[in-house]
Amino acid sequence: MEKRKLKFNAVDALLILLAAAAVFVVLYVFVLSEKPADAAETQKIQYVVEIVNIDSSFKNSVAVEQPVKDSVKQANIGKVIGVQDDTDFSKIVFDYEHNTEVTAKAKDRINMSITIEADAQVSDQAFTVNGVEIRVGKQYGLILPSFYGVGYCIKLTEVNE
């Protein structure tokens, strides 16, 4: 029996170099190029959370300058800078007599839009305020000193100072 000797040639060297380059690219993209958490860019943002179908007795429960907390993470997510609470709650119902859909206003029910301002960390994916991602269309449970409500973010803007 004859033992075969392994021969090392230029093709083998080229394959090893290609494999090393691929490993370096993967490491660079996923590990070395990430910014440290301390270097996150901050941006002042304003976002509006609309809470629908609440009792009109809560109309004056939210005031400007009140702190806002997230109900899930119990984190401060900004302060109130504006409140619009003059929109009557209405919903679409079916009128069987006329065979059409009509808009009906609910008695003593309102919609409230709360504008919140916060300093957010900016990333490629989202704005984050104290670990809470702020996105349009996302549902938030808001805790204020004299009010609790659940609504959706309907508007988000960056504030240029």
C-alpha atoms as a PDB file:
ATOM      1  CA  MET A   1       0.000   0.000   0.000  1.00  0.00           C
ATOM      2  CA  GLU A   2       1.236   3.287  -1.015  1.00  0.00           C
ATOM      3  CA  LYS A   3       0.511   6.419   1.048  1.00  0.00           C
ATOM      4  CA  ARG A   4      -0.494   9.504  -0.840  1.00  0.00           C
ATOM      5  CA  LYS A   5       1.214  12.730  -0.020  1.00  0.00           C
ATOM      6  CA  LEU A   6      -0.858  15.873   0.227  1.00  0.00           C
ATOM      7  CA  LYS A   7       0.398  18.499  -2.131  1.00  0.00           C
ATOM      8  CA  PHE A   8      -0.166  22.184  -1.509  1.00  0.00           C
ATOM      9  CA  ASN A   9      -0.464  24.333  -4.626  1.00  0.00           C
ATOM     10  CA  ALA A  10      -1.601  27.799  -5.695  1.00  0.00           C
ATOM     11  CA  VAL A  11      -5.260  26.792  -6.043  1.00  0.00           C
ATOM     12  CA  ASP A  12      -5.295  25.601  -2.432  1.00  0.00           C
ATOM     13  CA  ALA A  13      -3.771  28.907  -1.287  1.00  0.00           C
ATOM     14  CA  LEU A  14      -6.364  30.853  -3.269  1.00  0.00           C
ATOM     15  CA  LEU A  15      -9.224  28.863  -1.708  1.00  0.00           C
ATOM     16  CA  ILE A  16      -7.870  29.479   1.789  1.00  0.00           C
ATOM     17  CA  LEU A  17      -7.578  33.213   1.083  1.00  0.00           C
ATOM     18  CA  LEU A  18     -11.158  33.347  -0.238  1.00  0.00           C
ATOM     19  CA  ALA A  19     -12.475  31.558   2.854  1.00  0.00           C
ATOM     20  CA  ALA A  20     -10.569  33.923   5.152  1.00  0.00           C
ATOM     21  CA  ALA A  21     -11.907  36.938   3.239  1.00  0.00           C
ATOM     22  CA  ALA A  22     -15.476  35.642   3.557  1.00  0.00           C
ATOM     23  CA  VAL A  23     -15.063  35.153   7.307  1.00  0.00           C
ATOM     24  CA  PHE A  24     -13.643  38.666   7.651  1.00  0.00           C
ATOM     25  CA  VAL A  25     -16.543  40.201   5.704  1.00  0.00           C
ATOM     26  CA  VAL A  26     -19.114  38.389   7.847  1.00  0.00           C
ATOM     27  CA  LEU A  27     -17.366  39.465  11.063  1.00  0.00           C
ATOM     28  CA  TYR A  28     -17.066  43.050   9.857  1.00  0.00           C
ATOM     29  CA  VAL A  29     -20.716  43.323   8.839  1.00  0.00           C
ATOM     30  CA  PHE A  30     -22.221  41.738  11.948  1.00  0.00           C
ATOM     31  CA  VAL A  31     -19.743  42.449  14.731  1.00  0.00           C
ATOM     32  CA  LEU A  32     -17.132  45.092  14.029  1.00  0.00           C
ATOM     33  CA  SER A  33     -19.314  47.693  12.272  1.00  0.00           C
ATOM     34  CA  GLU A  34     -21.970  47.999  15.015  1.00  0.00           C
ATOM     35  CA  LYS A  35     -21.945  51.238  16.965  1.00  0.00           C
ATOM     36  CA  PRO A  36     -21.604  50.932  20.707  1.00  0.00           C
ATOM     37  CA  ALA A  37     -24.795  51.655  22.676  1.00  0.00           C
ATOM     38  CA  ASP A  38     -23.234  54.811  24.126  1.00  0.00           C
ATOM     39  CA  ALA A  39     -22.751  56.281  20.656  1.00  0.00           C
ATOM     40  CA  ALA A  40     -26.453  56.177  19.731  1.00  0.00           C
ATOM     41  CA  GLU A  41     -27.671  59.392  18.172  1.00  0.00           C
ATOM     42  CA  THR A  42     -30.476  61.189  19.998  1.00  0.00           C
ATOM     43  CA  GLN A  43     -33.251  63.185  18.373  1.00  0.00           C
ATOM     44  CA  LYS A  44     -36.164  65.116  19.828  1.00  0.00           C
ATOM     45  CA  ILE A  45     -39.434  63.703  18.495  1.00  0.00           C
ATOM     46  CA  GLN A  46     -43.125  64.489  18.813  1.00  0.00           C
ATOM     47  CA  TYR A  47     -45.739  61.810  18.402  1.00  0.00           C
ATOM     48  CA  VAL A  48     -49.516  61.718  18.708  1.00  0.00           C
ATOM     49  CA  VAL A  49     -51.397  58.882  20.405  1.00  0.00           C
ATOM     50  CA  GLU A  50     -55.133  58.782  19.688  1.00  0.00           C
ATOM     51  CA  ILE A  51     -57.361  57.223  22.333  1.00  0.00           C
ATOM     52  CA  VAL A  52     -60.904  56.584  21.124  1.00  0.00           C
ATOM     53  CA  ASN A  53     -64.239  56.004  22.833  1.00  0.00           C
ATOM     54  CA  ILE A  54     -63.500  57.397  26.287  1.00  0.00           C
ATOM     55  CA  ASP A  55     -65.984  58.944  28.670  1.00  0.00           C
ATOM     56  CA  SER A  56     -66.249  62.727  28.270  1.00  0.00           C
ATOM     57  CA  SER A  57     -65.748  63.168  32.036  1.00  0.00           C
ATOM     58  CA  PHE A  58     -62.028  62.535  31.393  1.00  0.00           C
ATOM     59  CA  LYS A  59     -61.869  65.568  29.086  1.00  0.00           C
ATOM     60  CA  ASN A  60     -59.769  67.643  31.511  1.00  0.00           C
ATOM     61  CA  SER A  61     -57.711  64.799  32.981  1.00  0.00           C
ATOM     62  CA  VAL A  62     -54.728  65.317  30.701  1.00  0.00           C
ATOM     63  CA  ALA A  63     -52.750  68.554  30.885  1.00  0.00           C
ATOM     64  CA  VAL A  64     -49.658  69.963  29.219  1.00  0.00           C
ATOM     65  CA  GLU A  65     -46.311  69.194  30.932  1.00  0.00           C
ATOM     66  CA  GLN A  66     -47.573  65.967  32.548  1.00  0.00           C
ATOM     67  CA  PRO A  67     -45.114  63.038  32.390  1.00  0.00           C
ATOM     68  CA  VAL A  68     -46.173  59.992  30.365  1.00  0.00           C
ATOM     69  CA  LYS A  69     -45.249  56.399  31.214  1.00  0.00           C
ATOM     70  CA  ASP A  70     -45.600  53.262  29.139  1.00  0.00           C
ATOM     71  CA  SER A  71     -47.845  50.701  30.825  1.00  0.00           C
ATOM     72  CA  VAL A  72     -45.816  47.687  29.672  1.00  0.00           C
ATOM     73  CA  LYS A  73     -42.250  48.661  30.560  1.00  0.00           C
ATOM     74  CA  GLN A  74     -43.199  51.273  33.179  1.00  0.00           C
ATOM     75  CA  ALA A  75     -40.715  53.627  31.492  1.00  0.00           C
ATOM     76  CA  ASN A  76     -41.030  57.379  31.075  1.00  0.00           C
ATOM     77  CA  ILE A  77     -41.752  57.984  27.375  1.00  0.00           C
ATOM     78  CA  GLY A  78     -41.996  61.765  27.304  1.00  0.00           C
ATOM     79  CA  LYS A  79     -44.182  64.638  28.412  1.00  0.00           C
ATOM     80  CA  VAL A  80     -47.495  65.965  27.154  1.00  0.00           C
ATOM     81  CA  ILE A  81     -47.188  69.070  24.971  1.00  0.00           C
ATOM     82  CA  GLY A  82     -50.715  69.166  23.597  1.00  0.00           C
ATOM     83  CA  VAL A  83     -54.168  67.645  23.974  1.00  0.00           C
ATOM     84  CA  GLN A  84     -57.065  67.634  21.550  1.00  0.00           C
ATOM     85  CA  ASP A  85     -60.196  66.271  23.176  1.00  0.00           C
ATOM     86  CA  ASP A  86     -63.022  67.915  21.285  1.00  0.00           C
ATOM     87  CA  THR A  87     -63.719  65.151  18.779  1.00  0.00           C
ATOM     88  CA  ASP A  88     -66.965  63.286  19.408  1.00  0.00           C
ATOM     89  CA  PHE A  89     -66.704  59.535  19.159  1.00  0.00           C
ATOM     90  CA  SER A  90     -68.650  58.148  16.249  1.00  0.00           C
ATOM     91  CA  LYS A  91     -68.911  54.805  14.569  1.00  0.00           C
ATOM     92  CA  ILE A  92     -70.429  53.402  11.425  1.00  0.00           C
ATOM     93  CA  VAL A  93     -73.633  51.425  11.957  1.00  0.00           C
ATOM     94  CA  PHE A  94     -76.030  49.805   9.538  1.00  0.00           C
ATOM     95  CA  ASP A  95     -79.472  51.377   9.106  1.00  0.00           C
ATOM     96  CA  TYR A  96     -81.724  48.431   8.309  1.00  0.00           C
ATOM     97  CA  GLU A  97     -84.685  50.684   7.546  1.00  0.00           C
ATOM     98  CA  HIS A  98     -82.913  52.424   4.660  1.00  0.00           C
ATOM     99  CA  ASN A  99     -80.447  49.618   3.916  1.00  0.00           C
ATOM    100  CA  THR A 100     -77.378  51.902   4.215  1.00  0.00           C
ATOM    101  CA  GLU A 101     -74.459  52.562   6.516  1.00  0.00           C
ATOM    102  CA  VAL A 102     -74.651  55.727   8.612  1.00  0.00           C
ATOM    103  CA  THR A 103     -72.334  57.447  11.061  1.00  0.00           C
ATOM    104  CA  ALA A 104     -73.735  57.542  14.580  1.00  0.00           C
ATOM    105  CA  LYS A 105     -72.332  59.704  17.379  1.00  0.00           C
ATOM    106  CA  ALA A 106     -72.135  58.147  20.814  1.00  0.00           C
ATOM    107  CA  LYS A 107     -73.504  60.224  23.674  1.00  0.00           C
ATOM    108  CA  ASP A 108     -70.898  61.413  26.207  1.00  0.00           C
ATOM    109  CA  ARG A 109     -68.034  59.642  24.425  1.00  0.00           C
ATOM    110  CA  ILE A 110     -65.008  61.415  22.900  1.00  0.00           C
ATOM    111  CA  ASN A 111     -61.739  60.764  21.097  1.00  0.00           C
ATOM    112  CA  MET A 112     -58.598  62.256  22.633  1.00  0.00           C
ATOM    113  CA  SER A 113     -55.345  62.927  20.794  1.00  0.00           C
ATOM    114  CA  ILE A 114     -52.342  63.381  23.075  1.00  0.00           C
ATOM    115  CA  THR A 115     -49.175  64.927  21.620  1.00  0.00           C
ATOM    116  CA  ILE A 116     -46.049  63.759  23.429  1.00  0.00           C
ATOM    117  CA  GLU A 117     -42.488  65.060  23.118  1.00  0.00           C
ATOM    118  CA  ALA A 118     -39.434  62.987  24.013  1.00  0.00           C
ATOM    119  CA  ASP A 119     -35.716  62.576  23.379  1.00  0.00           C
ATOM    120  CA  ALA A 120     -35.311  59.359  21.405  1.00  0.00           C
ATOM    121  CA  GLN A 121     -32.353  57.202  20.437  1.00  0.00           C
ATOM    122  CA  VAL A 122     -32.229  56.850  16.660  1.00  0.00           C
ATOM    123  CA  SER A 123     -31.432  53.595  14.893  1.00  0.00           C
ATOM    124  CA  ASP A 124     -32.072  52.199  11.435  1.00  0.00           C
ATOM    125  CA  GLN A 125     -35.168  50.408  12.698  1.00  0.00           C
ATOM    126  CA  ALA A 126     -36.973  52.854  15.011  1.00  0.00           C
ATOM    127  CA  PHE A 127     -36.953  55.684  17.496  1.00  0.00           C
ATOM    128  CA  THR A 128     -36.521  54.341  21.031  1.00  0.00           C
ATOM    129  CA  VAL A 129     -37.392  56.181  24.242  1.00  0.00           C
ATOM    130  CA  ASN A 130     -36.137  54.448  27.408  1.00  0.00           C
ATOM    131  CA  GLY A 131     -36.360  51.051  25.749  1.00  0.00           C
ATOM    132  CA  VAL A 132     -39.809  51.623  24.200  1.00  0.00           C
ATOM    133  CA  GLU A 133     -39.965  51.717  20.394  1.00  0.00           C
ATOM    134  CA  ILE A 134     -42.039  54.577  19.033  1.00  0.00           C
ATOM    135  CA  ARG A 135     -43.710  53.780  15.697  1.00  0.00           C
ATOM    136  CA  VAL A 136     -46.767  54.929  13.812  1.00  0.00           C
ATOM    137  CA  GLY A 137     -49.495  52.296  14.068  1.00  0.00           C
ATOM    138  CA  LYS A 138     -48.196  50.766  17.287  1.00  0.00           C
ATOM    139  CA  GLN A 139     -50.502  50.469  20.299  1.00  0.00           C
ATOM    140  CA  TYR A 140     -49.498  52.134  23.588  1.00  0.00           C
ATOM    141  CA  GLY A 141     -50.908  52.045  27.077  1.00  0.00           C
ATOM    142  CA  LEU A 142     -50.308  55.507  28.518  1.00  0.00           C
ATOM    143  CA  ILE A 143     -50.135  56.187  32.239  1.00  0.00           C
ATOM    144  CA  LEU A 144     -50.533  59.818  33.290  1.00  0.00           C
ATOM    145  CA  PRO A 145     -51.000  61.212  36.810  1.00  0.00           C
ATOM    146  CA  SER A 146     -54.819  61.199  36.609  1.00  0.00           C
ATOM    147  CA  PHE A 147     -55.552  59.184  33.480  1.00  0.00           C
ATOM    148  CA  TYR A 148     -54.860  55.799  31.904  1.00  0.00           C
ATOM    149  CA  GLY A 149     -55.683  55.082  28.278  1.00  0.00           C
ATOM    150  CA  VAL A 150     -54.835  52.754  25.417  1.00  0.00           C
ATOM    151  CA  GLY A 151     -54.450  54.090  21.897  1.00  0.00           C
ATOM    152  CA  TYR A 152     -52.467  54.012  18.692  1.00  0.00           C
ATOM    153  CA  CYS A 153     -49.696  56.297  17.494  1.00  0.00           C
ATOM    154  CA  ILE A 154     -51.120  58.159  14.499  1.00  0.00           C
ATOM    155  CA  LYS A 155     -48.345  60.666  13.804  1.00  0.00           C
ATOM    156  CA  LEU A 156     -44.594  60.903  14.392  1.00  0.00           C
ATOM    157  CA  THR A 157     -42.316  63.827  13.540  1.00  0.00           C
ATOM    158  CA  GLU A 158     -38.724  64.782  14.230  1.00  0.00           C
ATOM    159  CA  VAL A 159     -38.206  68.169  15.875  1.00  0.00           C
ATOM    160  CA  ASN A 160     -35.445  70.244  14.325  1.00  0.00           C
ATOM    161  CA  GLU A 161     -34.164  72.690  16.885  1.00  0.00           C
END
